[in-house]
Amino acid sequence: MRAEHVELTRLQSFADAFARKCDLPADERSRLLIILDELFTNAVTHGVRSGVPGGNVTVTLGLRPGRLLMSFVDDGPAFNPLAFHPPDFGRPADEHTIGGLGIHIVRALVHRARYRRAGGCNCCGEFDCPTRRHQKSARRQRTERATEAFSA
């Protein structure tokens, strides 16, 4: 999909449909949507090169027993969101620097995240989120898998 703000609705529809198809509980569906919203907004806001039309974003969602997997790839300038330190909430608000809160939110909502730069793209992949519904069924059914990619 194009890295443009108007595409966020399409991404949210894709993620919501995936979550419903996989029968994720409402709170886990919300967590998925928040994570993707933060990553997409960051890519669109900070990843567009000056004078160049919007880039591209590819999102892949997967479900394995007990785990929701996400891959987020954009072709913007090199940017490792995981290199940022969490905001210091102990300081007065007027002393805070702008930015970094969205990345902090994403980190708080995932179990594991990795970043790499490959082929001119930022690959924020392997966002690994345990899921309650599938943790229980994972013991009984180890073959359950679903994967869908969204890129248009």
Foldseek 3Di string as FASTA:
>chain_A
DFLAPVCLVVVLVVLLVVCVVVPADPVVSVLSSLLVVLVSCCCSVPFDDPPDGTWWKKKKWKDFQQKIWIKIKTLGADDDLVPDDAWDPVDDPVPTDPDNPSSVSNVVQFDDWDWDQDPNMIITTGRIHGGPVRNVCCVVDRPDMDMDMDTD
